[in-house]
Structures are given as structure tokens and as C-alpha cells.
Amino acid sequence: MSDSEYWYCLTHKTVEGRDGCRNSDRLGPYASAAEAGRALEKVEERNEEWDNDPNWNDDGPGSGADDDGTPSS
């Protein structure tokens, strides 16, 4: 690992270096402090992309949903 890696701490809502909180409580690593500071924005952007991805359909074949989109019993 490099000394120039940064994480975004989900507990403290701050950018941290290597010696920050547990990895399970943070996002990263990122190459710069500025990039780590944008971590939550990046998560939101990715979630929006995935939510609208036509290749990812929770109600598609094999999902267990009936034709009307309701789960089968």
C-alpha cells in the first residue's frame, strides 16, 4: 500500500489516511484526498447507473417473479 492512499470514513464523515478507522467502516482506497471526499457522490452516481441499467433487471427471467412483476409463491 502507498502512503498516498485515502479513505472516506462512514462513521466520522471525513477523509482518512491509512491509519484511520476499520476498513469495514470506510470506502476506498482512493488515490487522492479530493477523490476520497467525493466517495458518497460516486456511490450515488453508481447506484443511479445500476438502478437504470437495462441489462440488470430484478424482474427478468430467473428472478422468481410472475409475468406481472409480483413474486411467485
N, C-alpha and C. Protein backbone atom coordinates (compact mmCIF):
# COMPACT_ATOMS: atom_id res chain seq x y z
N MET A 1 0.84 -1.18 0.00
CA MET A 1 0.00 0.00 0.00
C MET A 1 0.88 1.24 0.00
N SER A 2 0.37 2.27 -0.53
CA SER A 2 1.08 3.52 -0.64
C SER A 2 0.66 4.47 0.47
N ASP A 3 1.55 5.40 0.84
CA ASP A 3 1.21 6.43 1.82
C ASP A 3 0.27 7.45 1.22
N SER A 4 0.08 7.41 -0.09
CA SER A 4 -0.78 8.39 -0.75
C SER A 4 -2.16 7.80 -1.05
N GLU A 5 -2.63 6.93 -0.18
CA GLU A 5 -3.97 6.37 -0.31
C GLU A 5 -4.86 6.98 0.76
N TYR A 6 -6.11 7.20 0.38
CA TYR A 6 -7.07 7.85 1.26
C TYR A 6 -8.38 7.08 1.27
N TRP A 7 -9.10 7.17 2.36
CA TRP A 7 -10.39 6.51 2.53
C TRP A 7 -11.40 7.54 3.01
N TYR A 8 -12.68 7.24 2.77
CA TYR A 8 -13.75 8.07 3.32
C TYR A 8 -14.38 7.28 4.45
N CYS A 9 -14.33 7.82 5.67
CA CYS A 9 -14.87 7.15 6.85
C CYS A 9 -16.37 7.40 6.93
N LEU A 10 -17.14 6.33 6.92
CA LEU A 10 -18.60 6.43 7.00
C LEU A 10 -19.07 6.77 8.42
N THR A 11 -18.26 6.47 9.42
CA THR A 11 -18.60 6.77 10.80
C THR A 11 -18.41 8.25 11.11
N HIS A 12 -17.26 8.79 10.72
CA HIS A 12 -16.91 10.17 11.06
C HIS A 12 -17.17 11.17 9.94
N LYS A 13 -17.54 10.65 8.76
CA LYS A 13 -17.83 11.50 7.59
C LYS A 13 -16.63 12.39 7.24
N THR A 14 -15.43 11.79 7.28
CA THR A 14 -14.21 12.51 6.97
C THR A 14 -13.29 11.66 6.10
N VAL A 15 -12.33 12.32 5.49
CA VAL A 15 -11.29 11.63 4.72
C VAL A 15 -10.19 11.24 5.69
N GLU A 16 -9.70 10.00 5.54
CA GLU A 16 -8.66 9.48 6.43
C GLU A 16 -7.51 8.91 5.63
N GLY A 17 -6.37 8.81 6.28
CA GLY A 17 -5.22 8.11 5.74
C GLY A 17 -5.26 6.65 6.12
N ARG A 18 -4.18 5.98 5.89
CA ARG A 18 -4.09 4.54 6.14
C ARG A 18 -4.43 4.17 7.58
N ASP A 19 -4.05 4.98 8.53
CA ASP A 19 -4.22 4.65 9.94
C ASP A 19 -5.56 5.12 10.51
N GLY A 20 -6.58 5.15 9.68
CA GLY A 20 -7.90 5.58 10.12
C GLY A 20 -8.69 4.44 10.71
N CYS A 21 -9.99 4.54 10.59
CA CYS A 21 -10.91 3.54 11.13
C CYS A 21 -10.79 2.20 10.40
N ARG A 22 -11.54 1.22 10.89
CA ARG A 22 -11.54 -0.11 10.26
C ARG A 22 -12.02 -0.01 8.82
N ASN A 23 -11.50 -0.85 7.95
CA ASN A 23 -11.91 -0.83 6.55
C ASN A 23 -13.39 -1.10 6.37
N SER A 24 -14.00 -1.84 7.28
CA SER A 24 -15.43 -2.12 7.15
C SER A 24 -16.27 -0.87 7.40
N ASP A 25 -15.66 0.19 7.94
CA ASP A 25 -16.37 1.43 8.22
C ASP A 25 -16.03 2.54 7.24
N ARG A 26 -15.35 2.19 6.13
CA ARG A 26 -14.94 3.24 5.21
C ARG A 26 -14.92 2.77 3.77
N LEU A 27 -14.87 3.73 2.87
CA LEU A 27 -14.82 3.47 1.44
C LEU A 27 -13.43 3.82 0.93
N GLY A 28 -12.91 3.01 0.02
CA GLY A 28 -11.61 3.31 -0.56
C GLY A 28 -10.80 2.05 -0.71
N PRO A 29 -9.56 2.18 -1.03
CA PRO A 29 -8.78 3.40 -1.03
C PRO A 29 -8.93 4.21 -2.33
N TYR A 30 -8.64 5.49 -2.21
CA TYR A 30 -8.64 6.42 -3.33
C TYR A 30 -7.24 7.01 -3.46
N ALA A 31 -6.91 7.46 -4.65
CA ALA A 31 -5.56 7.98 -4.94
C ALA A 31 -5.32 9.37 -4.36
N SER A 32 -6.38 10.11 -4.09
CA SER A 32 -6.20 11.47 -3.56
C SER A 32 -7.26 11.76 -2.49
N ALA A 33 -6.97 12.73 -1.65
CA ALA A 33 -7.92 13.14 -0.62
C ALA A 33 -9.17 13.71 -1.26
N ALA A 34 -9.02 14.43 -2.35
CA ALA A 34 -10.18 15.01 -3.04
C ALA A 34 -11.10 13.92 -3.58
N GLU A 35 -10.51 12.88 -4.15
CA GLU A 35 -11.31 11.76 -4.66
C GLU A 35 -12.03 11.05 -3.52
N ALA A 36 -11.36 10.86 -2.39
CA ALA A 36 -11.99 10.22 -1.24
C ALA A 36 -13.13 11.09 -0.71
N GLY A 37 -12.96 12.40 -0.77
CA GLY A 37 -14.00 13.31 -0.32
C GLY A 37 -15.26 13.25 -1.15
N ARG A 38 -15.14 12.76 -2.38
CA ARG A 38 -16.28 12.60 -3.29
C ARG A 38 -16.87 11.19 -3.23
N ALA A 39 -16.45 10.38 -2.30
CA ALA A 39 -16.84 8.97 -2.25
C ALA A 39 -18.35 8.77 -2.24
N LEU A 40 -19.07 9.52 -1.41
CA LEU A 40 -20.52 9.34 -1.33
C LEU A 40 -21.21 9.79 -2.62
N GLU A 41 -20.69 10.83 -3.26
CA GLU A 41 -21.23 11.26 -4.56
C GLU A 41 -21.05 10.16 -5.59
N LYS A 42 -19.87 9.54 -5.58
CA LYS A 42 -19.58 8.46 -6.52
C LYS A 42 -20.50 7.26 -6.28
N VAL A 43 -20.74 6.94 -5.03
CA VAL A 43 -21.67 5.84 -4.69
C VAL A 43 -23.06 6.15 -5.25
N GLU A 44 -23.52 7.38 -5.04
CA GLU A 44 -24.83 7.78 -5.53
C GLU A 44 -24.92 7.69 -7.05
N GLU A 45 -23.86 8.14 -7.74
CA GLU A 45 -23.82 8.07 -9.20
C GLU A 45 -23.88 6.62 -9.68
N ARG A 46 -23.10 5.76 -9.05
CA ARG A 46 -23.08 4.34 -9.45
C ARG A 46 -24.43 3.68 -9.17
N ASN A 47 -25.03 3.97 -8.03
CA ASN A 47 -26.34 3.40 -7.71
C ASN A 47 -27.37 3.82 -8.75
N GLU A 48 -27.34 5.07 -9.14
CA GLU A 48 -28.28 5.57 -10.15
C GLU A 48 -28.06 4.85 -11.49
N GLU A 49 -26.80 4.68 -11.88
CA GLU A 49 -26.49 3.97 -13.12
C GLU A 49 -27.00 2.54 -13.06
N TRP A 50 -26.75 1.86 -11.97
CA TRP A 50 -27.15 0.46 -11.83
C TRP A 50 -28.67 0.32 -11.76
N ASP A 51 -29.33 1.27 -11.08
CA ASP A 51 -30.79 1.23 -11.00
C ASP A 51 -31.43 1.38 -12.37
N ASN A 52 -30.76 2.06 -13.28
CA ASN A 52 -31.32 2.31 -14.61
C ASN A 52 -30.66 1.49 -15.70
N ASP A 53 -29.88 0.50 -15.35
CA ASP A 53 -29.18 -0.34 -16.32
C ASP A 53 -30.15 -1.36 -16.90
N PRO A 54 -30.41 -1.29 -18.22
CA PRO A 54 -31.35 -2.24 -18.82
C PRO A 54 -30.87 -3.68 -18.79
N ASN A 55 -29.57 -3.89 -18.58
CA ASN A 55 -29.04 -5.25 -18.51
C ASN A 55 -29.19 -5.86 -17.12
N TRP A 56 -29.61 -5.06 -16.15
CA TRP A 56 -29.81 -5.55 -14.80
C TRP A 56 -31.27 -5.36 -14.45
N ASN A 57 -32.02 -6.46 -14.45
CA ASN A 57 -33.45 -6.37 -14.24
C ASN A 57 -33.84 -7.39 -13.19
N ASP A 58 -34.23 -6.92 -12.03
CA ASP A 58 -34.60 -7.83 -10.94
C ASP A 58 -35.85 -8.64 -11.23
N ASP A 59 -36.67 -8.20 -12.19
CA ASP A 59 -37.90 -8.91 -12.51
C ASP A 59 -37.76 -9.75 -13.77
N GLY A 60 -36.56 -9.92 -14.26
CA GLY A 60 -36.34 -10.66 -15.50
C GLY A 60 -36.39 -12.16 -15.31
N PRO A 61 -36.10 -12.90 -16.38
CA PRO A 61 -36.12 -14.36 -16.32
C PRO A 61 -35.24 -14.89 -15.19
N GLY A 62 -35.74 -15.86 -14.48
CA GLY A 62 -35.00 -16.47 -13.40
C GLY A 62 -35.06 -15.73 -12.08
N SER A 63 -35.81 -14.62 -12.03
CA SER A 63 -35.87 -13.84 -10.80
C SER A 63 -36.89 -14.38 -9.82
N GLY A 64 -37.77 -15.27 -10.28
CA GLY A 64 -38.82 -15.79 -9.41
C GLY A 64 -40.07 -14.96 -9.46
N ALA A 65 -40.09 -13.92 -10.29
CA ALA A 65 -41.26 -13.06 -10.40
C ALA A 65 -42.22 -13.61 -11.45
N ASP A 66 -43.52 -13.43 -11.21
CA ASP A 66 -44.52 -13.78 -12.21
C ASP A 66 -44.48 -12.76 -13.34
N ASP A 67 -45.22 -13.01 -14.40
CA ASP A 67 -45.22 -12.10 -15.56
C ASP A 67 -45.64 -10.69 -15.20
N ASP A 68 -46.45 -10.51 -14.16
CA ASP A 68 -46.90 -9.17 -13.80
C ASP A 68 -45.92 -8.47 -12.86
N GLY A 69 -44.79 -9.10 -12.56
CA GLY A 69 -43.76 -8.50 -11.73
C GLY A 69 -43.88 -8.81 -10.25
N THR A 70 -44.94 -9.49 -9.85
CA THR A 70 -45.07 -9.85 -8.45
C THR A 70 -44.34 -11.17 -8.22
N PRO A 71 -43.75 -11.32 -7.04
CA PRO A 71 -43.03 -12.57 -6.76
C PRO A 71 -43.95 -13.78 -6.77
N SER A 72 -43.45 -14.88 -7.27
CA SER A 72 -44.24 -16.12 -7.27
C SER A 72 -44.16 -16.76 -5.91
N SER A 73 -45.18 -17.56 -5.55
CA SER A 73 -45.16 -18.19 -4.23
C SER A 73 -44.82 -19.64 -4.31
